[in-house]
Amino acid sequence: TLQSKVAAEKTSGKLGCDILMVAE
């Protein structure tokens, strides 16, 4: 889910987060 969210946000040139803590 997070990877899909980040992929969608990349297109705008800005992510919705400052830190990522994913599983792997």
PDBML (XML) file of the C-alpha atoms, coordinates in Angstrom:
<?xml version="1.0" encoding="UTF-8" ?>
<PDBx:datablock datablockName="MODEL"
   xmlns:PDBx="http://pdbml.pdb.org/schema/pdbx-v50.xsd"
   xmlns:xsi="http://www.w3.org/2001/XMLSchema-instance"
   xsi:schemaLocation="http://pdbml.pdb.org/schema/pdbx-v50.xsd pdbx-v50.xsd">
   <PDBx:atom_siteCategory>
      <PDBx:atom_site id="1">
         <PDBx:B_iso_or_equiv>0.00</PDBx:B_iso_or_equiv>
         <PDBx:Cartn_x>0.000</PDBx:Cartn_x>
         <PDBx:Cartn_y>0.000</PDBx:Cartn_y>
         <PDBx:Cartn_z>0.000</PDBx:Cartn_z>
         <PDBx:auth_asym_id>A</PDBx:auth_asym_id>
         <PDBx:auth_atom_id>CA</PDBx:auth_atom_id>
         <PDBx:auth_comp_id>THR</PDBx:auth_comp_id>
         <PDBx:auth_seq_id>1</PDBx:auth_seq_id>
         <PDBx:group_PDB>ATOM</PDBx:group_PDB>
         <PDBx:label_alt_id xsi:nil="true" />
         <PDBx:label_asym_id>A</PDBx:label_asym_id>
         <PDBx:label_atom_id>CA</PDBx:label_atom_id>
         <PDBx:label_comp_id>THR</PDBx:label_comp_id>
         <PDBx:label_entity_id>1</PDBx:label_entity_id>
         <PDBx:label_seq_id>1</PDBx:label_seq_id>
         <PDBx:occupancy>1.00</PDBx:occupancy>
         <PDBx:pdbx_PDB_model_num>1</PDBx:pdbx_PDB_model_num>
         <PDBx:type_symbol>C</PDBx:type_symbol>
      </PDBx:atom_site>
      <PDBx:atom_site id="2">
         <PDBx:B_iso_or_equiv>0.00</PDBx:B_iso_or_equiv>
         <PDBx:Cartn_x>2.782</PDBx:Cartn_x>
         <PDBx:Cartn_y>2.410</PDBx:Cartn_y>
         <PDBx:Cartn_z>0.920</PDBx:Cartn_z>
         <PDBx:auth_asym_id>A</PDBx:auth_asym_id>
         <PDBx:auth_atom_id>CA</PDBx:auth_atom_id>
         <PDBx:auth_comp_id>LEU</PDBx:auth_comp_id>
         <PDBx:auth_seq_id>2</PDBx:auth_seq_id>
         <PDBx:group_PDB>ATOM</PDBx:group_PDB>
         <PDBx:label_alt_id xsi:nil="true" />
         <PDBx:label_asym_id>A</PDBx:label_asym_id>
         <PDBx:label_atom_id>CA</PDBx:label_atom_id>
         <PDBx:label_comp_id>LEU</PDBx:label_comp_id>
         <PDBx:label_entity_id>1</PDBx:label_entity_id>
         <PDBx:label_seq_id>2</PDBx:label_seq_id>
         <PDBx:occupancy>1.00</PDBx:occupancy>
         <PDBx:pdbx_PDB_model_num>1</PDBx:pdbx_PDB_model_num>
         <PDBx:type_symbol>C</PDBx:type_symbol>
      </PDBx:atom_site>
      <PDBx:atom_site id="3">
         <PDBx:B_iso_or_equiv>0.00</PDBx:B_iso_or_equiv>
         <PDBx:Cartn_x>4.707</PDBx:Cartn_x>
         <PDBx:Cartn_y>1.676</PDBx:Cartn_y>
         <PDBx:Cartn_z>-2.263</PDBx:Cartn_z>
         <PDBx:auth_asym_id>A</PDBx:auth_asym_id>
         <PDBx:auth_atom_id>CA</PDBx:auth_atom_id>
         <PDBx:auth_comp_id>GLN</PDBx:auth_comp_id>
         <PDBx:auth_seq_id>3</PDBx:auth_seq_id>
         <PDBx:group_PDB>ATOM</PDBx:group_PDB>
         <PDBx:label_alt_id xsi:nil="true" />
         <PDBx:label_asym_id>A</PDBx:label_asym_id>
         <PDBx:label_atom_id>CA</PDBx:label_atom_id>
         <PDBx:label_comp_id>GLN</PDBx:label_comp_id>
         <PDBx:label_entity_id>1</PDBx:label_entity_id>
         <PDBx:label_seq_id>3</PDBx:label_seq_id>
         <PDBx:occupancy>1.00</PDBx:occupancy>
         <PDBx:pdbx_PDB_model_num>1</PDBx:pdbx_PDB_model_num>
         <PDBx:type_symbol>C</PDBx:type_symbol>
      </PDBx:atom_site>
      <PDBx:atom_site id="4">
         <PDBx:B_iso_or_equiv>0.00</PDBx:B_iso_or_equiv>
         <PDBx:Cartn_x>1.587</PDBx:Cartn_x>
         <PDBx:Cartn_y>2.372</PDBx:Cartn_y>
         <PDBx:Cartn_z>-4.348</PDBx:Cartn_z>
         <PDBx:auth_asym_id>A</PDBx:auth_asym_id>
         <PDBx:auth_atom_id>CA</PDBx:auth_atom_id>
         <PDBx:auth_comp_id>SER</PDBx:auth_comp_id>
         <PDBx:auth_seq_id>4</PDBx:auth_seq_id>
         <PDBx:group_PDB>ATOM</PDBx:group_PDB>
         <PDBx:label_alt_id xsi:nil="true" />
         <PDBx:label_asym_id>A</PDBx:label_asym_id>
         <PDBx:label_atom_id>CA</PDBx:label_atom_id>
         <PDBx:label_comp_id>SER</PDBx:label_comp_id>
         <PDBx:label_entity_id>1</PDBx:label_entity_id>
         <PDBx:label_seq_id>4</PDBx:label_seq_id>
         <PDBx:occupancy>1.00</PDBx:occupancy>
         <PDBx:pdbx_PDB_model_num>1</PDBx:pdbx_PDB_model_num>
         <PDBx:type_symbol>C</PDBx:type_symbol>
      </PDBx:atom_site>
      <PDBx:atom_site id="5">
         <PDBx:B_iso_or_equiv>0.00</PDBx:B_iso_or_equiv>
         <PDBx:Cartn_x>0.959</PDBx:Cartn_x>
         <PDBx:Cartn_y>5.595</PDBx:Cartn_y>
         <PDBx:Cartn_z>-2.425</PDBx:Cartn_z>
         <PDBx:auth_asym_id>A</PDBx:auth_asym_id>
         <PDBx:auth_atom_id>CA</PDBx:auth_atom_id>
         <PDBx:auth_comp_id>LYS</PDBx:auth_comp_id>
         <PDBx:auth_seq_id>5</PDBx:auth_seq_id>
         <PDBx:group_PDB>ATOM</PDBx:group_PDB>
         <PDBx:label_alt_id xsi:nil="true" />
         <PDBx:label_asym_id>A</PDBx:label_asym_id>
         <PDBx:label_atom_id>CA</PDBx:label_atom_id>
         <PDBx:label_comp_id>LYS</PDBx:label_comp_id>
         <PDBx:label_entity_id>1</PDBx:label_entity_id>
         <PDBx:label_seq_id>5</PDBx:label_seq_id>
         <PDBx:occupancy>1.00</PDBx:occupancy>
         <PDBx:pdbx_PDB_model_num>1</PDBx:pdbx_PDB_model_num>
         <PDBx:type_symbol>C</PDBx:type_symbol>
      </PDBx:atom_site>
      <PDBx:atom_site id="6">
         <PDBx:B_iso_or_equiv>0.00</PDBx:B_iso_or_equiv>
         <PDBx:Cartn_x>4.523</PDBx:Cartn_x>
         <PDBx:Cartn_y>6.798</PDBx:Cartn_y>
         <PDBx:Cartn_z>-2.912</PDBx:Cartn_z>
         <PDBx:auth_asym_id>A</PDBx:auth_asym_id>
         <PDBx:auth_atom_id>CA</PDBx:auth_atom_id>
         <PDBx:auth_comp_id>VAL</PDBx:auth_comp_id>
         <PDBx:auth_seq_id>6</PDBx:auth_seq_id>
         <PDBx:group_PDB>ATOM</PDBx:group_PDB>
         <PDBx:label_alt_id xsi:nil="true" />
         <PDBx:label_asym_id>A</PDBx:label_asym_id>
         <PDBx:label_atom_id>CA</PDBx:label_atom_id>
         <PDBx:label_comp_id>VAL</PDBx:label_comp_id>
         <PDBx:label_entity_id>1</PDBx:label_entity_id>
         <PDBx:label_seq_id>6</PDBx:label_seq_id>
         <PDBx:occupancy>1.00</PDBx:occupancy>
         <PDBx:pdbx_PDB_model_num>1</PDBx:pdbx_PDB_model_num>
         <PDBx:type_symbol>C</PDBx:type_symbol>
      </PDBx:atom_site>
      <PDBx:atom_site id="7">
         <PDBx:B_iso_or_equiv>0.00</PDBx:B_iso_or_equiv>
         <PDBx:Cartn_x>4.445</PDBx:Cartn_x>
         <PDBx:Cartn_y>5.856</PDBx:Cartn_y>
         <PDBx:Cartn_z>-6.610</PDBx:Cartn_z>
         <PDBx:auth_asym_id>A</PDBx:auth_asym_id>
         <PDBx:auth_atom_id>CA</PDBx:auth_atom_id>
         <PDBx:auth_comp_id>ALA</PDBx:auth_comp_id>
         <PDBx:auth_seq_id>7</PDBx:auth_seq_id>
         <PDBx:group_PDB>ATOM</PDBx:group_PDB>
         <PDBx:label_alt_id xsi:nil="true" />
         <PDBx:label_asym_id>A</PDBx:label_asym_id>
         <PDBx:label_atom_id>CA</PDBx:label_atom_id>
         <PDBx:label_comp_id>ALA</PDBx:label_comp_id>
         <PDBx:label_entity_id>1</PDBx:label_entity_id>
         <PDBx:label_seq_id>7</PDBx:label_seq_id>
         <PDBx:occupancy>1.00</PDBx:occupancy>
         <PDBx:pdbx_PDB_model_num>1</PDBx:pdbx_PDB_model_num>
         <PDBx:type_symbol>C</PDBx:type_symbol>
      </PDBx:atom_site>
      <PDBx:atom_site id="8">
         <PDBx:B_iso_or_equiv>0.00</PDBx:B_iso_or_equiv>
         <PDBx:Cartn_x>1.338</PDBx:Cartn_x>
         <PDBx:Cartn_y>7.985</PDBx:Cartn_y>
         <PDBx:Cartn_z>-7.105</PDBx:Cartn_z>
         <PDBx:auth_asym_id>A</PDBx:auth_asym_id>
         <PDBx:auth_atom_id>CA</PDBx:auth_atom_id>
         <PDBx:auth_comp_id>ALA</PDBx:auth_comp_id>
         <PDBx:auth_seq_id>8</PDBx:auth_seq_id>
         <PDBx:group_PDB>ATOM</PDBx:group_PDB>
         <PDBx:label_alt_id xsi:nil="true" />
         <PDBx:label_asym_id>A</PDBx:label_asym_id>
         <PDBx:label_atom_id>CA</PDBx:label_atom_id>
         <PDBx:label_comp_id>ALA</PDBx:label_comp_id>
         <PDBx:label_entity_id>1</PDBx:label_entity_id>
         <PDBx:label_seq_id>8</PDBx:label_seq_id>
         <PDBx:occupancy>1.00</PDBx:occupancy>
         <PDBx:pdbx_PDB_model_num>1</PDBx:pdbx_PDB_model_num>
         <PDBx:type_symbol>C</PDBx:type_symbol>
      </PDBx:atom_site>
      <PDBx:atom_site id="9">
         <PDBx:B_iso_or_equiv>0.00</PDBx:B_iso_or_equiv>
         <PDBx:Cartn_x>2.853</PDBx:Cartn_x>
         <PDBx:Cartn_y>10.895</PDBx:Cartn_y>
         <PDBx:Cartn_z>-5.168</PDBx:Cartn_z>
         <PDBx:auth_asym_id>A</PDBx:auth_asym_id>
         <PDBx:auth_atom_id>CA</PDBx:auth_atom_id>
         <PDBx:auth_comp_id>GLU</PDBx:auth_comp_id>
         <PDBx:auth_seq_id>9</PDBx:auth_seq_id>
         <PDBx:group_PDB>ATOM</PDBx:group_PDB>
         <PDBx:label_alt_id xsi:nil="true" />
         <PDBx:label_asym_id>A</PDBx:label_asym_id>
         <PDBx:label_atom_id>CA</PDBx:label_atom_id>
         <PDBx:label_comp_id>GLU</PDBx:label_comp_id>
         <PDBx:label_entity_id>1</PDBx:label_entity_id>
         <PDBx:label_seq_id>9</PDBx:label_seq_id>
         <PDBx:occupancy>1.00</PDBx:occupancy>
         <PDBx:pdbx_PDB_model_num>1</PDBx:pdbx_PDB_model_num>
         <PDBx:type_symbol>C</PDBx:type_symbol>
      </PDBx:atom_site>
      <PDBx:atom_site id="10">
         <PDBx:B_iso_or_equiv>0.00</PDBx:B_iso_or_equiv>
         <PDBx:Cartn_x>6.095</PDBx:Cartn_x>
         <PDBx:Cartn_y>10.817</PDBx:Cartn_y>
         <PDBx:Cartn_z>-7.147</PDBx:Cartn_z>
         <PDBx:auth_asym_id>A</PDBx:auth_asym_id>
         <PDBx:auth_atom_id>CA</PDBx:auth_atom_id>
         <PDBx:auth_comp_id>LYS</PDBx:auth_comp_id>
         <PDBx:auth_seq_id>10</PDBx:auth_seq_id>
         <PDBx:group_PDB>ATOM</PDBx:group_PDB>
         <PDBx:label_alt_id xsi:nil="true" />
         <PDBx:label_asym_id>A</PDBx:label_asym_id>
         <PDBx:label_atom_id>CA</PDBx:label_atom_id>
         <PDBx:label_comp_id>LYS</PDBx:label_comp_id>
         <PDBx:label_entity_id>1</PDBx:label_entity_id>
         <PDBx:label_seq_id>10</PDBx:label_seq_id>
         <PDBx:occupancy>1.00</PDBx:occupancy>
         <PDBx:pdbx_PDB_model_num>1</PDBx:pdbx_PDB_model_num>
         <PDBx:type_symbol>C</PDBx:type_symbol>
      </PDBx:atom_site>
      <PDBx:atom_site id="11">
         <PDBx:B_iso_or_equiv>0.00</PDBx:B_iso_or_equiv>
         <PDBx:Cartn_x>4.270</PDBx:Cartn_x>
         <PDBx:Cartn_y>12.078</PDBx:Cartn_y>
         <PDBx:Cartn_z>-10.220</PDBx:Cartn_z>
         <PDBx:auth_asym_id>A</PDBx:auth_asym_id>
         <PDBx:auth_atom_id>CA</PDBx:auth_atom_id>
         <PDBx:auth_comp_id>THR</PDBx:auth_comp_id>
         <PDBx:auth_seq_id>11</PDBx:auth_seq_id>
         <PDBx:group_PDB>ATOM</PDBx:group_PDB>
         <PDBx:label_alt_id xsi:nil="true" />
         <PDBx:label_asym_id>A</PDBx:label_asym_id>
         <PDBx:label_atom_id>CA</PDBx:label_atom_id>
         <PDBx:label_comp_id>THR</PDBx:label_comp_id>
         <PDBx:label_entity_id>1</PDBx:label_entity_id>
         <PDBx:label_seq_id>11</PDBx:label_seq_id>
         <PDBx:occupancy>1.00</PDBx:occupancy>
         <PDBx:pdbx_PDB_model_num>1</PDBx:pdbx_PDB_model_num>
         <PDBx:type_symbol>C</PDBx:type_symbol>
      </PDBx:atom_site>
      <PDBx:atom_site id="12">
         <PDBx:B_iso_or_equiv>0.00</PDBx:B_iso_or_equiv>
         <PDBx:Cartn_x>3.560</PDBx:Cartn_x>
         <PDBx:Cartn_y>15.373</PDBx:Cartn_y>
         <PDBx:Cartn_z>-8.415</PDBx:Cartn_z>
         <PDBx:auth_asym_id>A</PDBx:auth_asym_id>
         <PDBx:auth_atom_id>CA</PDBx:auth_atom_id>
         <PDBx:auth_comp_id>SER</PDBx:auth_comp_id>
         <PDBx:auth_seq_id>12</PDBx:auth_seq_id>
         <PDBx:group_PDB>ATOM</PDBx:group_PDB>
         <PDBx:label_alt_id xsi:nil="true" />
         <PDBx:label_asym_id>A</PDBx:label_asym_id>
         <PDBx:label_atom_id>CA</PDBx:label_atom_id>
         <PDBx:label_comp_id>SER</PDBx:label_comp_id>
         <PDBx:label_entity_id>1</PDBx:label_entity_id>
         <PDBx:label_seq_id>12</PDBx:label_seq_id>
         <PDBx:occupancy>1.00</PDBx:occupancy>
         <PDBx:pdbx_PDB_model_num>1</PDBx:pdbx_PDB_model_num>
         <PDBx:type_symbol>C</PDBx:type_symbol>
      </PDBx:atom_site>
      <PDBx:atom_site id="13">
         <PDBx:B_iso_or_equiv>0.00</PDBx:B_iso_or_equiv>
         <PDBx:Cartn_x>7.231</PDBx:Cartn_x>
         <PDBx:Cartn_y>15.774</PDBx:Cartn_y>
         <PDBx:Cartn_z>-7.488</PDBx:Cartn_z>
         <PDBx:auth_asym_id>A</PDBx:auth_asym_id>
         <PDBx:auth_atom_id>CA</PDBx:auth_atom_id>
         <PDBx:auth_comp_id>GLY</PDBx:auth_comp_id>
         <PDBx:auth_seq_id>13</PDBx:auth_seq_id>
         <PDBx:group_PDB>ATOM</PDBx:group_PDB>
         <PDBx:label_alt_id xsi:nil="true" />
         <PDBx:label_asym_id>A</PDBx:label_asym_id>
         <PDBx:label_atom_id>CA</PDBx:label_atom_id>
         <PDBx:label_comp_id>GLY</PDBx:label_comp_id>
         <PDBx:label_entity_id>1</PDBx:label_entity_id>
         <PDBx:label_seq_id>13</PDBx:label_seq_id>
         <PDBx:occupancy>1.00</PDBx:occupancy>
         <PDBx:pdbx_PDB_model_num>1</PDBx:pdbx_PDB_model_num>
         <PDBx:type_symbol>C</PDBx:type_symbol>
      </PDBx:atom_site>
      <PDBx:atom_site id="14">
         <PDBx:B_iso_or_equiv>0.00</PDBx:B_iso_or_equiv>
         <PDBx:Cartn_x>6.487</PDBx:Cartn_x>
         <PDBx:Cartn_y>15.689</PDBx:Cartn_y>
         <PDBx:Cartn_z>-3.774</PDBx:Cartn_z>
         <PDBx:auth_asym_id>A</PDBx:auth_asym_id>
         <PDBx:auth_atom_id>CA</PDBx:auth_atom_id>
         <PDBx:auth_comp_id>LYS</PDBx:auth_comp_id>
         <PDBx:auth_seq_id>14</PDBx:auth_seq_id>
         <PDBx:group_PDB>ATOM</PDBx:group_PDB>
         <PDBx:label_alt_id xsi:nil="true" />
         <PDBx:label_asym_id>A</PDBx:label_asym_id>
         <PDBx:label_atom_id>CA</PDBx:label_atom_id>
         <PDBx:label_comp_id>LYS</PDBx:label_comp_id>
         <PDBx:label_entity_id>1</PDBx:label_entity_id>
         <PDBx:label_seq_id>14</PDBx:label_seq_id>
         <PDBx:occupancy>1.00</PDBx:occupancy>
         <PDBx:pdbx_PDB_model_num>1</PDBx:pdbx_PDB_model_num>
         <PDBx:type_symbol>C</PDBx:type_symbol>
      </PDBx:atom_site>
      <PDBx:atom_site id="15">
         <PDBx:B_iso_or_equiv>0.00</PDBx:B_iso_or_equiv>
         <PDBx:Cartn_x>5.770</PDBx:Cartn_x>
         <PDBx:Cartn_y>12.913</PDBx:Cartn_y>
         <PDBx:Cartn_z>-1.302</PDBx:Cartn_z>
         <PDBx:auth_asym_id>A</PDBx:auth_asym_id>
         <PDBx:auth_atom_id>CA</PDBx:auth_atom_id>
         <PDBx:auth_comp_id>LEU</PDBx:auth_comp_id>
         <PDBx:auth_seq_id>15</PDBx:auth_seq_id>
         <PDBx:group_PDB>ATOM</PDBx:group_PDB>
         <PDBx:label_alt_id xsi:nil="true" />
         <PDBx:label_asym_id>A</PDBx:label_asym_id>
         <PDBx:label_atom_id>CA</PDBx:label_atom_id>
         <PDBx:label_comp_id>LEU</PDBx:label_comp_id>
         <PDBx:label_entity_id>1</PDBx:label_entity_id>
         <PDBx:label_seq_id>15</PDBx:label_seq_id>
         <PDBx:occupancy>1.00</PDBx:occupancy>
         <PDBx:pdbx_PDB_model_num>1</PDBx:pdbx_PDB_model_num>
         <PDBx:type_symbol>C</PDBx:type_symbol>
      </PDBx:atom_site>
      <PDBx:atom_site id="16">
         <PDBx:B_iso_or_equiv>0.00</PDBx:B_iso_or_equiv>
         <PDBx:Cartn_x>3.308</PDBx:Cartn_x>
         <PDBx:Cartn_y>13.126</PDBx:Cartn_y>
         <PDBx:Cartn_z>1.563</PDBx:Cartn_z>
         <PDBx:auth_asym_id>A</PDBx:auth_asym_id>
         <PDBx:auth_atom_id>CA</PDBx:auth_atom_id>
         <PDBx:auth_comp_id>GLY</PDBx:auth_comp_id>
         <PDBx:auth_seq_id>16</PDBx:auth_seq_id>
         <PDBx:group_PDB>ATOM</PDBx:group_PDB>
         <PDBx:label_alt_id xsi:nil="true" />
         <PDBx:label_asym_id>A</PDBx:label_asym_id>
         <PDBx:label_atom_id>CA</PDBx:label_atom_id>
         <PDBx:label_comp_id>GLY</PDBx:label_comp_id>
         <PDBx:label_entity_id>1</PDBx:label_entity_id>
         <PDBx:label_seq_id>16</PDBx:label_seq_id>
         <PDBx:occupancy>1.00</PDBx:occupancy>
         <PDBx:pdbx_PDB_model_num>1</PDBx:pdbx_PDB_model_num>
         <PDBx:type_symbol>C</PDBx:type_symbol>
      </PDBx:atom_site>
      <PDBx:atom_site id="17">
         <PDBx:B_iso_or_equiv>0.00</PDBx:B_iso_or_equiv>
         <PDBx:Cartn_x>5.883</PDBx:Cartn_x>
         <PDBx:Cartn_y>12.023</PDBx:Cartn_y>
         <PDBx:Cartn_z>4.121</PDBx:Cartn_z>
         <PDBx:auth_asym_id>A</PDBx:auth_asym_id>
         <PDBx:auth_atom_id>CA</PDBx:auth_atom_id>
         <PDBx:auth_comp_id>CYS</PDBx:auth_comp_id>
         <PDBx:auth_seq_id>17</PDBx:auth_seq_id>
         <PDBx:group_PDB>ATOM</PDBx:group_PDB>
         <PDBx:label_alt_id xsi:nil="true" />
         <PDBx:label_asym_id>A</PDBx:label_asym_id>
         <PDBx:label_atom_id>CA</PDBx:label_atom_id>
         <PDBx:label_comp_id>CYS</PDBx:label_comp_id>
         <PDBx:label_entity_id>1</PDBx:label_entity_id>
         <PDBx:label_seq_id>17</PDBx:label_seq_id>
         <PDBx:occupancy>1.00</PDBx:occupancy>
         <PDBx:pdbx_PDB_model_num>1</PDBx:pdbx_PDB_model_num>
         <PDBx:type_symbol>C</PDBx:type_symbol>
      </PDBx:atom_site>
      <PDBx:atom_site id="18">
         <PDBx:B_iso_or_equiv>0.00</PDBx:B_iso_or_equiv>
         <PDBx:Cartn_x>9.245</PDBx:Cartn_x>
         <PDBx:Cartn_y>12.931</PDBx:Cartn_y>
         <PDBx:Cartn_z>5.622</PDBx:Cartn_z>
         <PDBx:auth_asym_id>A</PDBx:auth_asym_id>
         <PDBx:auth_atom_id>CA</PDBx:auth_atom_id>
         <PDBx:auth_comp_id>ASP</PDBx:auth_comp_id>
         <PDBx:auth_seq_id>18</PDBx:auth_seq_id>
         <PDBx:group_PDB>ATOM</PDBx:group_PDB>
         <PDBx:label_alt_id xsi:nil="true" />
         <PDBx:label_asym_id>A</PDBx:label_asym_id>
         <PDBx:label_atom_id>CA</PDBx:label_atom_id>
         <PDBx:label_comp_id>ASP</PDBx:label_comp_id>
         <PDBx:label_entity_id>1</PDBx:label_entity_id>
         <PDBx:label_seq_id>18</PDBx:label_seq_id>
         <PDBx:occupancy>1.00</PDBx:occupancy>
         <PDBx:pdbx_PDB_model_num>1</PDBx:pdbx_PDB_model_num>
         <PDBx:type_symbol>C</PDBx:type_symbol>
      </PDBx:atom_site>
      <PDBx:atom_site id="19">
         <PDBx:B_iso_or_equiv>0.00</PDBx:B_iso_or_equiv>
         <PDBx:Cartn_x>10.257</PDBx:Cartn_x>
         <PDBx:Cartn_y>9.486</PDBx:Cartn_y>
         <PDBx:Cartn_z>6.941</PDBx:Cartn_z>
         <PDBx:auth_asym_id>A</PDBx:auth_asym_id>
         <PDBx:auth_atom_id>CA</PDBx:auth_atom_id>
         <PDBx:auth_comp_id>ILE</PDBx:auth_comp_id>
         <PDBx:auth_seq_id>19</PDBx:auth_seq_id>
         <PDBx:group_PDB>ATOM</PDBx:group_PDB>
         <PDBx:label_alt_id xsi:nil="true" />
         <PDBx:label_asym_id>A</PDBx:label_asym_id>
         <PDBx:label_atom_id>CA</PDBx:label_atom_id>
         <PDBx:label_comp_id>ILE</PDBx:label_comp_id>
         <PDBx:label_entity_id>1</PDBx:label_entity_id>
         <PDBx:label_seq_id>19</PDBx:label_seq_id>
         <PDBx:occupancy>1.00</PDBx:occupancy>
         <PDBx:pdbx_PDB_model_num>1</PDBx:pdbx_PDB_model_num>
         <PDBx:type_symbol>C</PDBx:type_symbol>
      </PDBx:atom_site>
      <PDBx:atom_site id="20">
         <PDBx:B_iso_or_equiv>0.00</PDBx:B_iso_or_equiv>
         <PDBx:Cartn_x>9.533</PDBx:Cartn_x>
         <PDBx:Cartn_y>5.981</PDBx:Cartn_y>
         <PDBx:Cartn_z>5.649</PDBx:Cartn_z>
         <PDBx:auth_asym_id>A</PDBx:auth_asym_id>
         <PDBx:auth_atom_id>CA</PDBx:auth_atom_id>
         <PDBx:auth_comp_id>LEU</PDBx:auth_comp_id>
         <PDBx:auth_seq_id>20</PDBx:auth_seq_id>
         <PDBx:group_PDB>ATOM</PDBx:group_PDB>
         <PDBx:label_alt_id xsi:nil="true" />
         <PDBx:label_asym_id>A</PDBx:label_asym_id>
         <PDBx:label_atom_id>CA</PDBx:label_atom_id>
         <PDBx:label_comp_id>LEU</PDBx:label_comp_id>
         <PDBx:label_entity_id>1</PDBx:label_entity_id>
         <PDBx:label_seq_id>20</PDBx:label_seq_id>
         <PDBx:occupancy>1.00</PDBx:occupancy>
         <PDBx:pdbx_PDB_model_num>1</PDBx:pdbx_PDB_model_num>
         <PDBx:type_symbol>C</PDBx:type_symbol>
      </PDBx:atom_site>
      <PDBx:atom_site id="21">
         <PDBx:B_iso_or_equiv>0.00</PDBx:B_iso_or_equiv>
         <PDBx:Cartn_x>9.556</PDBx:Cartn_x>
         <PDBx:Cartn_y>2.848</PDBx:Cartn_y>
         <PDBx:Cartn_z>7.840</PDBx:Cartn_z>
         <PDBx:auth_asym_id>A</PDBx:auth_asym_id>
         <PDBx:auth_atom_id>CA</PDBx:auth_atom_id>
         <PDBx:auth_comp_id>MET</PDBx:auth_comp_id>
         <PDBx:auth_seq_id>21</PDBx:auth_seq_id>
         <PDBx:group_PDB>ATOM</PDBx:group_PDB>
         <PDBx:label_alt_id xsi:nil="true" />
         <PDBx:label_asym_id>A</PDBx:label_asym_id>
         <PDBx:label_atom_id>CA</PDBx:label_atom_id>
         <PDBx:label_comp_id>MET</PDBx:label_comp_id>
         <PDBx:label_entity_id>1</PDBx:label_entity_id>
         <PDBx:label_seq_id>21</PDBx:label_seq_id>
         <PDBx:occupancy>1.00</PDBx:occupancy>
         <PDBx:pdbx_PDB_model_num>1</PDBx:pdbx_PDB_model_num>
         <PDBx:type_symbol>C</PDBx:type_symbol>
      </PDBx:atom_site>
      <PDBx:atom_site id="22">
         <PDBx:B_iso_or_equiv>0.00</PDBx:B_iso_or_equiv>
         <PDBx:Cartn_x>8.567</PDBx:Cartn_x>
         <PDBx:Cartn_y>-0.011</PDBx:Cartn_y>
         <PDBx:Cartn_z>5.530</PDBx:Cartn_z>
         <PDBx:auth_asym_id>A</PDBx:auth_asym_id>
         <PDBx:auth_atom_id>CA</PDBx:auth_atom_id>
         <PDBx:auth_comp_id>VAL</PDBx:auth_comp_id>
         <PDBx:auth_seq_id>22</PDBx:auth_seq_id>
         <PDBx:group_PDB>ATOM</PDBx:group_PDB>
         <PDBx:label_alt_id xsi:nil="true" />
         <PDBx:label_asym_id>A</PDBx:label_asym_id>
         <PDBx:label_atom_id>CA</PDBx:label_atom_id>
         <PDBx:label_comp_id>VAL</PDBx:label_comp_id>
         <PDBx:label_entity_id>1</PDBx:label_entity_id>
         <PDBx:label_seq_id>22</PDBx:label_seq_id>
         <PDBx:occupancy>1.00</PDBx:occupancy>
         <PDBx:pdbx_PDB_model_num>1</PDBx:pdbx_PDB_model_num>
         <PDBx:type_symbol>C</PDBx:type_symbol>
      </PDBx:atom_site>
      <PDBx:atom_site id="23">
         <PDBx:B_iso_or_equiv>0.00</PDBx:B_iso_or_equiv>
         <PDBx:Cartn_x>8.941</PDBx:Cartn_x>
         <PDBx:Cartn_y>-3.746</PDBx:Cartn_y>
         <PDBx:Cartn_z>6.050</PDBx:Cartn_z>
         <PDBx:auth_asym_id>A</PDBx:auth_asym_id>
         <PDBx:auth_atom_id>CA</PDBx:auth_atom_id>
         <PDBx:auth_comp_id>ALA</PDBx:auth_comp_id>
         <PDBx:auth_seq_id>23</PDBx:auth_seq_id>
         <PDBx:group_PDB>ATOM</PDBx:group_PDB>
         <PDBx:label_alt_id xsi:nil="true" />
         <PDBx:label_asym_id>A</PDBx:label_asym_id>
         <PDBx:label_atom_id>CA</PDBx:label_atom_id>
         <PDBx:label_comp_id>ALA</PDBx:label_comp_id>
         <PDBx:label_entity_id>1</PDBx:label_entity_id>
         <PDBx:label_seq_id>23</PDBx:label_seq_id>
         <PDBx:occupancy>1.00</PDBx:occupancy>
         <PDBx:pdbx_PDB_model_num>1</PDBx:pdbx_PDB_model_num>
         <PDBx:type_symbol>C</PDBx:type_symbol>
      </PDBx:atom_site>
      <PDBx:atom_site id="24">
         <PDBx:B_iso_or_equiv>0.00</PDBx:B_iso_or_equiv>
         <PDBx:Cartn_x>12.009</PDBx:Cartn_x>
         <PDBx:Cartn_y>-4.522</PDBx:Cartn_y>
         <PDBx:Cartn_z>3.972</PDBx:Cartn_z>
         <PDBx:auth_asym_id>A</PDBx:auth_asym_id>
         <PDBx:auth_atom_id>CA</PDBx:auth_atom_id>
         <PDBx:auth_comp_id>GLU</PDBx:auth_comp_id>
         <PDBx:auth_seq_id>24</PDBx:auth_seq_id>
         <PDBx:group_PDB>ATOM</PDBx:group_PDB>
         <PDBx:label_alt_id xsi:nil="true" />
         <PDBx:label_asym_id>A</PDBx:label_asym_id>
         <PDBx:label_atom_id>CA</PDBx:label_atom_id>
         <PDBx:label_comp_id>GLU</PDBx:label_comp_id>
         <PDBx:label_entity_id>1</PDBx:label_entity_id>
         <PDBx:label_seq_id>24</PDBx:label_seq_id>
         <PDBx:occupancy>1.00</PDBx:occupancy>
         <PDBx:pdbx_PDB_model_num>1</PDBx:pdbx_PDB_model_num>
         <PDBx:type_symbol>C</PDBx:type_symbol>
      </PDBx:atom_site>
   </PDBx:atom_siteCategory>
</PDBx:datablock>
